[in-house]
C-alpha atoms as a PDB file:
ATOM      1  CA  MET A   1       7.039  13.302  30.280  1.00  0.00           C
ATOM      2  CA  GLN A   2       6.177  14.865  26.946  1.00  0.00           C
ATOM      3  CA  LEU A   3       3.182  17.120  26.243  1.00  0.00           C
ATOM      4  CA  LEU A   4       1.631  14.725  23.754  1.00  0.00           C
ATOM      5  CA  SER A   5      -1.102  12.104  23.851  1.00  0.00           C
ATOM      6  CA  ILE A   6      -1.052   8.530  22.584  1.00  0.00           C
ATOM      7  CA  VAL A   7      -4.433   7.349  21.270  1.00  0.00           C
ATOM      8  CA  ILE A   8      -5.254   3.689  20.565  1.00  0.00           C
ATOM      9  CA  VAL A   9      -8.605   2.350  19.344  1.00  0.00           C
ATOM     10  CA  CYS A  10      -8.987  -1.369  19.978  1.00  0.00           C
ATOM     11  CA  LYS A  11     -11.233  -4.407  20.214  1.00  0.00           C
ATOM     12  CA  ASN A  12     -10.227  -7.923  21.315  1.00  0.00           C
ATOM     13  CA  GLU A  13      -6.465  -7.344  21.373  1.00  0.00           C
ATOM     14  CA  ALA A  14      -5.663  -8.994  24.708  1.00  0.00           C
ATOM     15  CA  ASP A  15      -2.813 -11.024  23.223  1.00  0.00           C
ATOM     16  CA  ILE A  16      -0.900  -8.051  21.777  1.00  0.00           C
ATOM     17  CA  ILE A  17      -1.851  -4.721  23.384  1.00  0.00           C
ATOM     18  CA  ALA A  18       0.475  -5.160  26.383  1.00  0.00           C
ATOM     19  CA  THR A  19       3.461  -5.090  24.003  1.00  0.00           C
ATOM     20  CA  SER A  20       2.294  -1.751  22.652  1.00  0.00           C
ATOM     21  CA  LEU A  21       1.659  -0.241  26.075  1.00  0.00           C
ATOM     22  CA  GLN A  22       4.957  -1.489  27.476  1.00  0.00           C
ATOM     23  CA  SER A  23       6.843   0.335  24.716  1.00  0.00           C
ATOM     24  CA  LEU A  24       5.116   3.632  25.611  1.00  0.00           C
ATOM     25  CA  LEU A  25       5.840   3.727  29.341  1.00  0.00           C
ATOM     26  CA  GLY A  26       7.588   6.879  30.494  1.00  0.00           C
ATOM     27  CA  LEU A  27       6.815   8.848  27.316  1.00  0.00           C
ATOM     28  CA  THR A  28       3.663  10.725  28.358  1.00  0.00           C
ATOM     29  CA  ASP A  29       1.119  10.952  31.138  1.00  0.00           C
ATOM     30  CA  ASP A  30      -1.760  10.659  28.654  1.00  0.00           C
ATOM     31  CA  ILE A  31      -2.353   7.328  26.918  1.00  0.00           C
ATOM     32  CA  VAL A  32      -5.959   7.005  25.730  1.00  0.00           C
ATOM     33  CA  ILE A  33      -7.386   3.543  25.058  1.00  0.00           C
ATOM     34  CA  TYR A  34     -10.779   3.591  23.320  1.00  0.00           C
ATOM     35  CA  ASP A  35     -12.283   0.104  23.496  1.00  0.00           C
ATOM     36  CA  ASN A  36     -15.130  -0.964  21.199  1.00  0.00           C
ATOM     37  CA  GLY A  37     -16.651  -3.860  23.109  1.00  0.00           C
ATOM     38  CA  SER A  38     -13.813  -6.283  23.780  1.00  0.00           C
ATOM     39  CA  ASP A  39     -14.846  -9.587  25.342  1.00  0.00           C
ATOM     40  CA  ASP A  40     -11.460 -11.348  25.403  1.00  0.00           C
ATOM     41  CA  GLY A  41      -9.900  -9.699  28.452  1.00  0.00           C
ATOM     42  CA  THR A  42      -8.436  -6.683  26.650  1.00  0.00           C
ATOM     43  CA  ARG A  43      -9.808  -4.227  29.199  1.00  0.00           C
ATOM     44  CA  GLU A  44      -8.353  -6.246  32.064  1.00  0.00           C
ATOM     45  CA  VAL A  45      -4.916  -6.125  30.423  1.00  0.00           C
ATOM     46  CA  VAL A  46      -5.207  -2.384  29.779  1.00  0.00           C
ATOM     47  CA  LYS A  47      -6.135  -1.657  33.403  1.00  0.00           C
ATOM     48  CA  GLN A  48      -2.717  -2.902  34.472  1.00  0.00           C
ATOM     49  CA  TYR A  49      -1.129   0.173  32.855  1.00  0.00           C
ATOM     50  CA  PRO A  50      -1.328   3.925  33.633  1.00  0.00           C
ATOM     51  CA  VAL A  51      -3.805   4.821  30.885  1.00  0.00           C
ATOM     52  CA  GLN A  52      -7.233   6.366  30.343  1.00  0.00           C
ATOM     53  CA  LEU A  53      -9.647   3.569  29.412  1.00  0.00           C
ATOM     54  CA  HIS A  54     -12.814   4.624  27.588  1.00  0.00           C
ATOM     55  CA  GLU A  55     -15.518   2.455  26.075  1.00  0.00           C
ATOM     56  CA  GLY A  56     -17.658   3.397  23.108  1.00  0.00           C
ATOM     57  CA  SER A  57     -19.503   2.109  20.062  1.00  0.00           C
ATOM     58  CA  TRP A  58     -17.867   1.343  16.727  1.00  0.00           C
ATOM     59  CA  GLU A  59     -18.719   3.934  14.040  1.00  0.00           C
ATOM     60  CA  GLY A  60     -16.186   3.046  11.374  1.00  0.00           C
ATOM     61  CA  PHE A  61     -12.434   3.587  11.502  1.00  0.00           C
ATOM     62  CA  GLY A  62     -12.216   7.311  10.775  1.00  0.00           C
ATOM     63  CA  LYS A  63     -15.130   8.534  12.866  1.00  0.00           C
ATOM     64  CA  THR A  64     -14.212   6.334  15.832  1.00  0.00           C
ATOM     65  CA  LYS A  65     -10.597   7.536  15.796  1.00  0.00           C
ATOM     66  CA  ASN A  66     -11.762  11.158  15.788  1.00  0.00           C
ATOM     67  CA  LYS A  67     -13.966  10.470  18.821  1.00  0.00           C
ATOM     68  CA  ALA A  68     -11.020   8.920  20.611  1.00  0.00           C
ATOM     69  CA  ASN A  69      -8.732  11.852  19.721  1.00  0.00           C
ATOM     70  CA  ALA A  70     -11.238  14.254  21.274  1.00  0.00           C
ATOM     71  CA  LEU A  71     -10.719  12.515  24.637  1.00  0.00           C
ATOM     72  CA  ALA A  72      -6.986  13.237  24.704  1.00  0.00           C
ATOM     73  CA  LYS A  73      -5.434  15.685  27.170  1.00  0.00           C
ATOM     74  CA  TYR A  74      -3.048  17.268  24.658  1.00  0.00           C
ATOM     75  CA  ASP A  75      -3.528  18.553  21.107  1.00  0.00           C
ATOM     76  CA  TRP A  76      -0.472  16.729  19.736  1.00  0.00           C
ATOM     77  CA  ILE A  77      -1.617  13.172  19.006  1.00  0.00           C
ATOM     78  CA  MET A  78       0.358  10.022  18.299  1.00  0.00           C
ATOM     79  CA  SER A  79      -2.142   7.614  16.730  1.00  0.00           C
ATOM     80  CA  LEU A  80      -1.364   3.910  17.108  1.00  0.00           C
ATOM     81  CA  ASP A  81      -3.182   0.627  16.630  1.00  0.00           C
ATOM     82  CA  ALA A  82      -3.218  -2.017  19.348  1.00  0.00           C
ATOM     83  CA  ASP A  83      -0.802  -4.213  17.365  1.00  0.00           C
ATOM     84  CA  GLU A  84       1.780  -1.425  17.008  1.00  0.00           C
ATOM     85  CA  ALA A  85       4.660  -0.663  19.379  1.00  0.00           C
ATOM     86  CA  ILE A  86       7.439   1.904  19.116  1.00  0.00           C
ATOM     87  CA  ASP A  87      11.134   1.050  19.090  1.00  0.00           C
ATOM     88  CA  GLU A  88      13.716   2.696  21.342  1.00  0.00           C
ATOM     89  CA  GLU A  89      14.963   5.055  18.619  1.00  0.00           C
ATOM     90  CA  LEU A  90      11.467   6.421  17.972  1.00  0.00           C
ATOM     91  CA  LYS A  91      10.915   6.772  21.716  1.00  0.00           C
ATOM     92  CA  ARG A  92      14.100   8.850  21.982  1.00  0.00           C
ATOM     93  CA  SER A  93      12.962  11.001  19.027  1.00  0.00           C
ATOM     94  CA  LEU A  94       9.650  11.679  20.744  1.00  0.00           C
ATOM     95  CA  MET A  95      11.342  12.433  24.068  1.00  0.00           C
ATOM     96  CA  GLN A  96      13.509  15.051  22.316  1.00  0.00           C
ATOM     97  CA  TRP A  97      10.620  16.515  20.296  1.00  0.00           C
ATOM     98  CA  GLN A  98       9.456  20.086  20.928  1.00  0.00           C
ATOM     99  CA  PRO A  99       6.030  21.485  19.919  1.00  0.00           C
ATOM    100  CA  GLU A 100       6.103  23.636  16.790  1.00  0.00           C
ATOM    101  CA  ASN A 101       3.829  24.921  14.020  1.00  0.00           C
ATOM    102  CA  GLU A 102       0.439  23.191  14.325  1.00  0.00           C
ATOM    103  CA  ALA A 103       0.486  22.480  10.578  1.00  0.00           C
ATOM    104  CA  THR A 104       3.511  20.216  11.043  1.00  0.00           C
ATOM    105  CA  VAL A 105       2.802  16.505  10.501  1.00  0.00           C
ATOM    106  CA  TYR A 106       5.266  13.746  11.303  1.00  0.00           C
ATOM    107  CA  GLU A 107       5.788  10.741   9.089  1.00  0.00           C
ATOM    108  CA  ILE A 108       7.100   7.587  10.741  1.00  0.00           C
ATOM    109  CA  ALA A 109       8.643   4.493   9.181  1.00  0.00           C
ATOM    110  CA  PHE A 110       7.112   1.082   9.867  1.00  0.00           C
ATOM    111  CA  LYS A 111       8.658  -2.326  10.355  1.00  0.00           C
ATOM    112  CA  ASN A 112       5.961  -4.837   9.458  1.00  0.00           C
ATOM    113  CA  PHE A 113       6.094  -8.414  10.699  1.00  0.00           C
ATOM    114  CA  PHE A 114       4.471 -11.661   9.560  1.00  0.00           C
ATOM    115  CA  GLY A 115       4.744 -13.782  12.673  1.00  0.00           C
ATOM    116  CA  ASN A 116       8.342 -13.128  13.755  1.00  0.00           C
ATOM    117  CA  ARG A 117       9.654 -12.298  10.286  1.00  0.00           C
ATOM    118  CA  HIS A 118      10.377  -8.668   9.412  1.00  0.00           C
ATOM    119  CA  LEU A 119       9.085  -8.037   5.884  1.00  0.00           C
ATOM    120  CA  LYS A 120      11.669  -5.995   3.991  1.00  0.00           C
ATOM    121  CA  TYR A 121      10.207  -6.115   0.469  1.00  0.00           C
ATOM    122  CA  GLY A 122       6.897  -6.270  -1.392  1.00  0.00           C
ATOM    123  CA  GLU A 123       3.747  -4.530  -0.204  1.00  0.00           C
ATOM    124  CA  TRP A 124       4.966  -4.128   3.370  1.00  0.00           C
ATOM    125  CA  GLY A 125       8.653  -3.463   2.782  1.00  0.00           C
ATOM    126  CA  THR A 126       8.894   0.330   2.584  1.00  0.00           C
ATOM    127  CA  ASP A 127       6.096   1.746   4.658  1.00  0.00           C
ATOM    128  CA  TYR A 128       5.730   5.319   5.974  1.00  0.00           C
ATOM    129  CA  HIS A 129       2.657   6.959   7.450  1.00  0.00           C
ATOM    130  CA  VAL A 130       1.771  10.229   9.165  1.00  0.00           C
ATOM    131  CA  ARG A 131       0.914   9.198  12.717  1.00  0.00           C
ATOM    132  CA  PHE A 132       1.893  12.243  14.797  1.00  0.00           C
ATOM    133  CA  PHE A 133      -0.041  15.471  14.301  1.00  0.00           C
ATOM    134  CA  ASN A 134      -1.968  18.308  15.934  1.00  0.00           C
ATOM    135  CA  ARG A 135      -5.699  17.614  16.221  1.00  0.00           C
ATOM    136  CA  ASN A 136      -6.502  21.312  15.759  1.00  0.00           C
ATOM    137  CA  LYS A 137      -5.327  21.002  12.164  1.00  0.00           C
ATOM    138  CA  VAL A 138      -5.592  17.310  11.284  1.00  0.00           C
ATOM    139  CA  THR A 139      -8.498  14.846  11.508  1.00  0.00           C
ATOM    140  CA  TRP A 140      -9.289  11.418  10.138  1.00  0.00           C
ATOM    141  CA  ASP A 141     -11.729  11.239   7.248  1.00  0.00           C
ATOM    142  CA  GLU A 142     -14.917   9.300   7.953  1.00  0.00           C
ATOM    143  CA  ALA A 143     -14.225   6.342   5.690  1.00  0.00           C
ATOM    144  CA  PRO A 144     -15.445   3.086   7.291  1.00  0.00           C
ATOM    145  CA  VAL A 145     -12.252   1.318   6.120  1.00  0.00           C
ATOM    146  CA  HIS A 146      -8.824   2.402   4.810  1.00  0.00           C
ATOM    147  CA  GLU A 147      -9.228   5.710   6.576  1.00  0.00           C
ATOM    148  CA  ASN A 148      -6.856   8.594   5.813  1.00  0.00           C
ATOM    149  CA  LEU A 149      -5.769  11.719   7.605  1.00  0.00           C
ATOM    150  CA  VAL A 150      -7.089  14.986   6.193  1.00  0.00           C
ATOM    151  CA  LEU A 151      -4.050  17.268   6.156  1.00  0.00           C
ATOM    152  CA  PRO A 152      -4.332  21.059   6.230  1.00  0.00           C
ATOM    153  CA  PRO A 153      -3.357  23.244   3.264  1.00  0.00           C
ATOM    154  CA  GLY A 154       0.305  24.039   3.620  1.00  0.00           C
ATOM    155  CA  ALA A 155       1.000  21.029   5.820  1.00  0.00           C
ATOM    156  CA  ILE A 156       4.661  20.838   6.844  1.00  0.00           C
ATOM    157  CA  PRO A 157       5.846  17.214   6.584  1.00  0.00           C
ATOM    158  CA  LYS A 158       8.736  16.016   8.718  1.00  0.00           C
ATOM    159  CA  ARG A 159      10.078  12.577   9.506  1.00  0.00           C
ATOM    160  CA  LEU A 160      10.946  11.218  12.929  1.00  0.00           C
ATOM    161  CA  LYS A 161      13.816   8.782  13.406  1.00  0.00           C
ATOM    162  CA  GLY A 162      12.900   5.305  14.558  1.00  0.00           C
ATOM    163  CA  PHE A 163      10.191   2.786  13.716  1.00  0.00           C
ATOM    164  CA  ILE A 164       6.682   1.715  14.572  1.00  0.00           C
ATOM    165  CA  LEU A 165       6.785  -2.062  14.978  1.00  0.00           C
ATOM    166  CA  HIS A 166       3.649  -3.453  13.359  1.00  0.00           C
ATOM    167  CA  ARG A 167       2.791  -7.049  14.227  1.00  0.00           C
ATOM    168  CA  THR A 168      -0.568  -7.341  12.494  1.00  0.00           C
ATOM    169  CA  LEU A 169      -0.014 -10.660  10.706  1.00  0.00           C
ATOM    170  CA  ARG A 170       0.089 -13.498  13.234  1.00  0.00           C
ATOM    171  CA  ASN A 171      -0.546 -16.282  10.703  1.00  0.00           C
ATOM    172  CA  GLU A 172      -2.185 -16.910   7.327  1.00  0.00           C
ATOM    173  CA  GLU A 173      -5.618 -17.718   8.746  1.00  0.00           C
ATOM    174  CA  ASP A 174      -5.626 -14.520  10.801  1.00  0.00           C
ATOM    175  CA  TYR A 175      -4.641 -12.561   7.695  1.00  0.00           C
ATOM    176  CA  ARG A 176      -7.352 -14.213   5.593  1.00  0.00           C
ATOM    177  CA  LYS A 177     -10.071 -13.270   8.086  1.00  0.00           C
ATOM    178  CA  LYS A 178      -8.847  -9.699   8.222  1.00  0.00           C
ATOM    179  CA  MET A 179      -8.671  -9.407   4.426  1.00  0.00           C
ATOM    180  CA  LEU A 180     -12.189 -10.817   4.003  1.00  0.00           C
ATOM    181  CA  ASP A 181     -13.540  -8.194   6.396  1.00  0.00           C
ATOM    182  CA  TYR A 182     -11.643  -5.452   4.567  1.00  0.00           C
ATOM    183  CA  ALA A 183     -12.902  -6.752   1.215  1.00  0.00           C
ATOM    184  CA  MET A 184     -16.517  -6.432   2.355  1.00  0.00           C
ATOM    185  CA  ARG A 185     -15.941  -2.945   3.747  1.00  0.00           C
ATOM    186  CA  GLY A 186     -14.041  -1.927   0.623  1.00  0.00           C
ATOM    187  CA  ALA A 187     -16.854  -3.198  -1.610  1.00  0.00           C
ATOM    188  CA  GLU A 188     -19.405  -1.210   0.374  1.00  0.00           C
ATOM    189  CA  LYS A 189     -17.237   1.895   0.048  1.00  0.00           C
ATOM    190  CA  TYR A 190     -16.939   1.433  -3.728  1.00  0.00           C
ATOM    191  CA  TYR A 191     -20.691   0.815  -3.952  1.00  0.00           C
ATOM    192  CA  ARG A 192     -21.446   4.127  -2.250  1.00  0.00           C
ATOM    193  CA  GLN A 193     -19.006   5.831  -4.630  1.00  0.00           C
ATOM    194  CA  GLY A 194     -20.763   4.311  -7.650  1.00  0.00           C
ATOM    195  CA  LYS A 195     -17.769   2.269  -8.788  1.00  0.00           C
ATOM    196  CA  LYS A 196     -18.425  -0.902 -10.802  1.00  0.00           C
ATOM    197  CA  ALA A 197     -16.938  -4.397 -10.764  1.00  0.00           C
ATOM    198  CA  THR A 198     -15.905  -4.560 -14.420  1.00  0.00           C
ATOM    199  CA  TRP A 199     -14.517  -7.720 -16.004  1.00  0.00           C
ATOM    200  CA  LEU A 200     -11.042  -6.169 -16.056  1.00  0.00           C
ATOM    201  CA  LYS A 201     -11.195  -5.246 -12.368  1.00  0.00           C
ATOM    202  CA  LEU A 202     -12.535  -8.650 -11.372  1.00  0.00           C
ATOM    203  CA  HIS A 203     -10.108 -10.778 -13.384  1.00  0.00           C
ATOM    204  CA  LEU A 204      -6.994  -8.761 -14.210  1.00  0.00           C
ATOM    205  CA  SER A 205      -6.569  -6.565 -11.128  1.00  0.00           C
ATOM    206  CA  PRO A 206      -5.781  -9.551  -8.838  1.00  0.00           C
ATOM    207  CA  PHE A 207      -3.168 -10.827 -11.310  1.00  0.00           C
ATOM    208  CA  PHE A 208      -1.416  -7.468 -11.628  1.00  0.00           C
ATOM    209  CA  THR A 209      -1.587  -6.984  -7.859  1.00  0.00           C
ATOM    210  CA  PHE A 210       0.313 -10.233  -7.357  1.00  0.00           C
ATOM    211  CA  VAL A 211       2.897  -9.403 -10.038  1.00  0.00           C
ATOM    212  CA  ASN A 212       3.434  -5.940  -8.587  1.00  0.00           C
ATOM    213  CA  TYR A 213       4.058  -7.013  -5.005  1.00  0.00           C
ATOM    214  CA  TYR A 214       5.755 -10.365  -5.545  1.00  0.00           C
ATOM    215  CA  ILE A 215       7.941  -9.589  -8.561  1.00  0.00           C
ATOM    216  CA  LEU A 216       8.239  -5.855  -9.235  1.00  0.00           C
ATOM    217  CA  LYS A 217       8.556  -4.960  -5.544  1.00  0.00           C
ATOM    218  CA  LEU A 218      10.731  -8.017  -4.821  1.00  0.00           C
ATOM    219  CA  GLY A 219       8.340  -9.720  -2.423  1.00  0.00           C
ATOM    220  CA  PHE A 220       9.931 -13.069  -3.341  1.00  0.00           C
ATOM    221  CA  LEU A 221      13.008 -12.004  -1.324  1.00  0.00           C
ATOM    222  CA  ASP A 222      10.887 -12.331   1.833  1.00  0.00           C
ATOM    223  CA  GLY A 223      10.610 -16.076   1.177  1.00  0.00           C
ATOM    224  CA  LYS A 224       7.430 -17.977   1.987  1.00  0.00           C
ATOM    225  CA  GLN A 225       5.977 -15.029   3.861  1.00  0.00           C
ATOM    226  CA  GLY A 226       6.513 -12.750   0.859  1.00  0.00           C
ATOM    227  CA  TYR A 227       4.641 -15.169  -1.388  1.00  0.00           C
ATOM    228  CA  THR A 228       1.799 -15.484   1.119  1.00  0.00           C
ATOM    229  CA  ILE A 229       1.400 -11.711   1.425  1.00  0.00           C
ATOM    230  CA  ALA A 230       1.321 -11.174  -2.358  1.00  0.00           C
ATOM    231  CA  ARG A 231      -1.105 -14.070  -2.889  1.00  0.00           C
ATOM    232  CA  MET A 232      -3.444 -12.939  -0.115  1.00  0.00           C
ATOM    233  CA  THR A 233      -3.446  -9.330  -1.307  1.00  0.00           C
ATOM    234  CA  ALA A 234      -4.377 -10.519  -4.802  1.00  0.00           C
ATOM    235  CA  TRP A 235      -7.137 -12.637  -3.240  1.00  0.00           C
ATOM    236  CA  TYR A 236      -8.371  -9.598  -1.295  1.00  0.00           C
ATOM    237  CA  THR A 237      -8.518  -7.585  -4.538  1.00  0.00           C
ATOM    238  CA  ARG A 238     -10.582 -10.297  -6.224  1.00  0.00           C
ATOM    239  CA  MET A 239     -12.910 -10.660  -3.227  1.00  0.00           C
ATOM    240  CA  LYS A 240     -13.463  -6.896  -3.044  1.00  0.00           C
ATOM    241  CA  TYR A 241     -14.742  -6.764  -6.617  1.00  0.00           C
ATOM    242  CA  THR A 242     -16.680 -10.033  -6.203  1.00  0.00           C
ATOM    243  CA  LYS A 243     -18.502  -8.560  -3.207  1.00  0.00           C
ATOM    244  CA  LEU A 244     -19.095  -5.333  -5.129  1.00  0.00           C
ATOM    245  CA  LYS A 245     -20.658  -7.297  -7.992  1.00  0.00           C
ATOM    246  CA  GLU A 246     -22.887  -9.124  -5.486  1.00  0.00           C
ATOM    247  CA  LEU A 247     -24.086  -5.808  -4.052  1.00  0.00           C
ATOM    248  CA  TYR A 248     -25.195  -4.633  -7.499  1.00  0.00           C
ATOM    249  CA  LYS A 249     -26.919  -7.984  -8.145  1.00  0.00           C
ATOM    250  CA  GLN A 250     -28.785  -7.666  -4.867  1.00  0.00           C
ATOM    251  CA  LEU A 251     -29.826  -4.129  -5.799  1.00  0.00           C
ATOM    252  CA  ALA A 252     -31.236  -5.434  -9.089  1.00  0.00           C
ATOM    253  CA  VAL A 253     -33.151  -8.205  -7.284  1.00  0.00           C
ATOM    254  CA  ASP A 254     -34.553  -5.763  -4.731  1.00  0.00           C
ATOM    255  CA  SER A 255     -35.594  -3.373  -7.488  1.00  0.00           C
ATOM    256  CA  ARG A 256     -37.471  -6.121  -9.360  1.00  0.00           C
ATOM    257  CA  GLN A 257     -39.214  -7.265  -6.200  1.00  0.00           C
ATOM    258  CA  TYR A 258     -40.187  -3.722  -5.337  1.00  0.00           C
ATOM    259  CA  GLY A 259     -41.504  -3.197  -8.859  1.00  0.00           C
ATOM    260  CA  GLN A 260     -43.605  -6.370  -8.692  1.00  0.00           C
ATOM    261  CA  SER A 261     -45.101  -5.415  -5.337  1.00  0.00           C
ATOM    262  CA  SER A 262     -45.982  -1.875  -6.393  1.00  0.00           C
END
């Protein structure tokens, strides 16, 4: 067993989390599952595995992940989502790993899947993320969506062999629901930052998003799934700025109503 912790934040992932947990068996004696109110049987699935199960409120992606990391036994954290498993090569890399400078951060390659198809091109084709780090030096920012790790000055990047297998896209309807939620969260984030939904952002950004992922990044080579991903990402971009525009309209309405009642 390695002196590292695996931390997974989840909600309503009963149909997929067992795949993730199965891939981790034998790697460490500290797998932390932080559940945010599942009502689909996720907790019952998790209890079948040798893990720590904690329950807590949802406070946005970054803040919730930091709370979960604080519950881990070890300072070296492998952060995964419930729809992510590790392949055998990555498992071997982690089994051979030895603790080193706390400023070291490990980047891991992803294999992303739409249903059973491995996406090799477009938005999801070449995907690397830092997912293994020391919590004494690295934390998640507190963004409610699209959270990022805050790396220390002088961070030492390294890459582990192997892949995280990411099966987030079950079907188009599932993807649409997820993108709509992200669009709303993204709009709220932009609103707080004072960004505006200009005509160019609202009308041209979706078009260039599609061209970038489907043509420039060769998404068309992934067949129907590649087209669907590029089209849905363009739709997400449009919805994000549409929702942002609606937030500013609502602010204007509220301001007028407040002014009339004063």
